[in-house]
Amino acid sequence: MAALNNEEVLENLQKQLVTNEETRLKLIGAIDVLQQIEESKVEEEPAASAPEPGTVEVVENEGGE
């Protein structure tokens, strides 16, 4: 097995660095998307219990006559 010279090692390390940076950016993007999805779920939950616009909610009279 032949030993790699410094130029080959340097080239390999630079390629790995680029690949790792691309992977890192993809991971950051995926994390960002998942966080946005989770945040939108939290924001939608209170809206789901509110009446829809244009509707009337009937509430029983609690005072009674």
N, C-alpha and C. Protein backbone atom coordinates (compact mmCIF):
# COMPACT_ATOMS: atom_id res chain seq x y z
N MET A 1 0.84 -1.18 0.00
CA MET A 1 0.00 0.00 0.00
C MET A 1 0.88 1.24 0.00
N ALA A 2 0.63 2.12 -0.93
CA ALA A 2 1.44 3.32 -1.06
C ALA A 2 0.93 4.40 -0.13
N ALA A 3 1.84 5.12 0.47
CA ALA A 3 1.47 6.23 1.36
C ALA A 3 0.99 7.41 0.52
N LEU A 4 0.02 8.12 1.02
CA LEU A 4 -0.47 9.31 0.33
C LEU A 4 0.47 10.48 0.59
N ASN A 5 0.66 11.28 -0.43
CA ASN A 5 1.49 12.46 -0.19
C ASN A 5 0.60 13.59 0.38
N ASN A 6 1.24 14.64 0.84
CA ASN A 6 0.52 15.73 1.49
C ASN A 6 -0.53 16.35 0.57
N GLU A 7 -0.25 16.46 -0.71
CA GLU A 7 -1.18 17.07 -1.66
C GLU A 7 -2.47 16.24 -1.75
N GLU A 8 -2.33 14.92 -1.80
CA GLU A 8 -3.50 14.04 -1.87
C GLU A 8 -4.32 14.10 -0.58
N VAL A 9 -3.63 14.11 0.55
CA VAL A 9 -4.31 14.19 1.84
C VAL A 9 -5.07 15.51 1.94
N LEU A 10 -4.43 16.60 1.55
CA LEU A 10 -5.05 17.92 1.58
C LEU A 10 -6.30 17.94 0.70
N GLU A 11 -6.20 17.41 -0.50
CA GLU A 11 -7.34 17.36 -1.42
C GLU A 11 -8.49 16.56 -0.83
N ASN A 12 -8.18 15.41 -0.24
CA ASN A 12 -9.21 14.57 0.37
C ASN A 12 -9.90 15.27 1.55
N LEU A 13 -9.10 15.95 2.36
CA LEU A 13 -9.67 16.66 3.51
C LEU A 13 -10.56 17.81 3.06
N GLN A 14 -10.16 18.51 2.01
CA GLN A 14 -10.97 19.61 1.51
C GLN A 14 -12.30 19.10 0.94
N LYS A 15 -12.27 17.96 0.27
CA LYS A 15 -13.50 17.36 -0.25
C LYS A 15 -14.41 16.96 0.90
N GLN A 16 -13.83 16.37 1.92
CA GLN A 16 -14.63 15.96 3.08
C GLN A 16 -15.24 17.17 3.76
N LEU A 17 -14.49 18.25 3.84
CA LEU A 17 -14.98 19.47 4.46
C LEU A 17 -16.19 20.02 3.70
N VAL A 18 -16.11 20.02 2.38
CA VAL A 18 -17.22 20.49 1.55
C VAL A 18 -18.43 19.58 1.75
N THR A 19 -18.22 18.29 1.73
CA THR A 19 -19.31 17.34 1.92
C THR A 19 -19.95 17.52 3.29
N ASN A 20 -19.13 17.69 4.32
CA ASN A 20 -19.66 17.88 5.67
C ASN A 20 -20.43 19.19 5.79
N GLU A 21 -19.96 20.23 5.12
CA GLU A 21 -20.65 21.51 5.15
C GLU A 21 -22.01 21.40 4.46
N GLU A 22 -22.07 20.68 3.34
CA GLU A 22 -23.34 20.48 2.65
C GLU A 22 -24.31 19.70 3.53
N THR A 23 -23.81 18.67 4.19
CA THR A 23 -24.64 17.86 5.09
C THR A 23 -25.12 18.72 6.25
N ARG A 24 -24.26 19.54 6.78
CA ARG A 24 -24.62 20.43 7.90
C ARG A 24 -25.74 21.37 7.48
N LEU A 25 -25.64 21.96 6.30
CA LEU A 25 -26.67 22.88 5.83
C LEU A 25 -28.01 22.16 5.63
N LYS A 26 -27.95 20.93 5.12
CA LYS A 26 -29.18 20.15 4.95
C LYS A 26 -29.82 19.85 6.30
N LEU A 27 -29.01 19.51 7.29
CA LEU A 27 -29.53 19.23 8.62
C LEU A 27 -30.15 20.48 9.24
N ILE A 28 -29.49 21.61 9.07
CA ILE A 28 -30.03 22.86 9.61
C ILE A 28 -31.36 23.17 8.96
N GLY A 29 -31.45 22.96 7.65
CA GLY A 29 -32.70 23.20 6.94
C GLY A 29 -33.81 22.28 7.41
N ALA A 30 -33.49 21.01 7.60
CA ALA A 30 -34.49 20.05 8.06
C ALA A 30 -34.97 20.39 9.47
N ILE A 31 -34.05 20.77 10.33
CA ILE A 31 -34.40 21.16 11.70
C ILE A 31 -35.30 22.39 11.67
N ASP A 32 -34.97 23.37 10.84
CA ASP A 32 -35.77 24.58 10.73
C ASP A 32 -37.20 24.27 10.29
N VAL A 33 -37.33 23.42 9.27
CA VAL A 33 -38.66 23.06 8.77
C VAL A 33 -39.47 22.35 9.85
N LEU A 34 -38.85 21.41 10.55
CA LEU A 34 -39.56 20.67 11.60
C LEU A 34 -39.97 21.60 12.75
N GLN A 35 -39.10 22.56 13.09
CA GLN A 35 -39.45 23.51 14.14
C GLN A 35 -40.64 24.38 13.72
N GLN A 36 -40.66 24.79 12.46
CA GLN A 36 -41.78 25.60 11.96
C GLN A 36 -43.08 24.80 12.00
N ILE A 37 -43.00 23.52 11.64
CA ILE A 37 -44.19 22.67 11.67
C ILE A 37 -44.71 22.56 13.10
N GLU A 38 -43.82 22.31 14.05
CA GLU A 38 -44.23 22.17 15.45
C GLU A 38 -44.79 23.48 15.99
N GLU A 39 -44.19 24.62 15.63
CA GLU A 39 -44.68 25.92 16.07
C GLU A 39 -46.06 26.20 15.49
N SER A 40 -46.29 25.81 14.26
CA SER A 40 -47.59 26.06 13.64
C SER A 40 -48.67 25.20 14.30
N LYS A 41 -48.31 24.02 14.78
CA LYS A 41 -49.27 23.18 15.50
C LYS A 41 -49.70 23.87 16.78
N VAL A 42 -48.78 24.46 17.50
CA VAL A 42 -49.07 25.15 18.76
C VAL A 42 -49.97 26.34 18.49
N GLU A 43 -49.72 27.08 17.41
CA GLU A 43 -50.52 28.25 17.08
C GLU A 43 -51.92 27.86 16.62
N GLU A 44 -52.07 26.72 15.98
CA GLU A 44 -53.37 26.31 15.46
C GLU A 44 -54.28 25.75 16.54
N GLU A 45 -53.76 25.17 17.61
CA GLU A 45 -54.58 24.54 18.64
C GLU A 45 -55.59 25.51 19.27
N PRO A 46 -55.20 26.71 19.71
CA PRO A 46 -56.20 27.60 20.29
C PRO A 46 -57.25 28.03 19.25
N ALA A 47 -56.85 28.21 18.02
CA ALA A 47 -57.77 28.62 16.97
C ALA A 47 -58.80 27.53 16.69
N ALA A 48 -58.45 26.27 16.90
CA ALA A 48 -59.37 25.18 16.63
C ALA A 48 -60.54 25.18 17.60
N SER A 49 -60.36 25.68 18.83
CA SER A 49 -61.43 25.69 19.81
C SER A 49 -62.32 26.92 19.67
N ALA A 50 -61.86 27.95 18.98
CA ALA A 50 -62.65 29.16 18.79
C ALA A 50 -63.69 28.93 17.70
N PRO A 51 -64.84 29.60 17.82
CA PRO A 51 -65.85 29.45 16.76
C PRO A 51 -65.32 30.00 15.43
N GLU A 52 -65.81 29.44 14.37
CA GLU A 52 -65.39 29.89 13.05
C GLU A 52 -65.99 31.26 12.78
N PRO A 53 -65.30 32.10 12.01
CA PRO A 53 -65.85 33.42 11.68
C PRO A 53 -67.18 33.27 10.95
N GLY A 54 -68.12 34.13 11.28
CA GLY A 54 -69.41 34.10 10.61
C GLY A 54 -70.39 33.12 11.22
N THR A 55 -70.06 32.50 12.36
CA THR A 55 -70.96 31.56 13.01
C THR A 55 -71.45 32.14 14.33
N VAL A 56 -72.54 31.63 14.83
CA VAL A 56 -73.09 32.08 16.11
C VAL A 56 -73.02 30.91 17.07
N GLU A 57 -72.51 31.17 18.26
CA GLU A 57 -72.41 30.14 19.29
C GLU A 57 -73.57 30.34 20.27
N VAL A 58 -74.36 29.29 20.48
CA VAL A 58 -75.50 29.36 21.38
C VAL A 58 -75.05 28.93 22.75
N VAL A 59 -75.30 29.79 23.76
CA VAL A 59 -74.91 29.51 25.13
C VAL A 59 -76.17 29.53 25.99
N GLU A 60 -76.34 28.51 26.85
CA GLU A 60 -77.51 28.45 27.72
C GLU A 60 -77.47 29.57 28.73
N ASN A 61 -78.62 30.07 29.09
CA ASN A 61 -78.73 31.13 30.06
C ASN A 61 -78.46 30.54 31.44
N GLU A 62 -77.44 31.01 32.11
CA GLU A 62 -77.07 30.47 33.40
C GLU A 62 -77.89 31.07 34.54
N GLY A 63 -78.44 32.26 34.36
CA GLY A 63 -79.21 32.93 35.43
C GLY A 63 -80.53 32.26 35.69
N GLY A 64 -81.14 31.71 34.68
CA GLY A 64 -82.43 31.03 34.80
C GLY A 64 -83.54 31.99 35.24
N GLU A 65 -84.75 31.79 34.76
CA GLU A 65 -85.88 32.65 35.13
C GLU A 65 -86.92 31.85 35.84
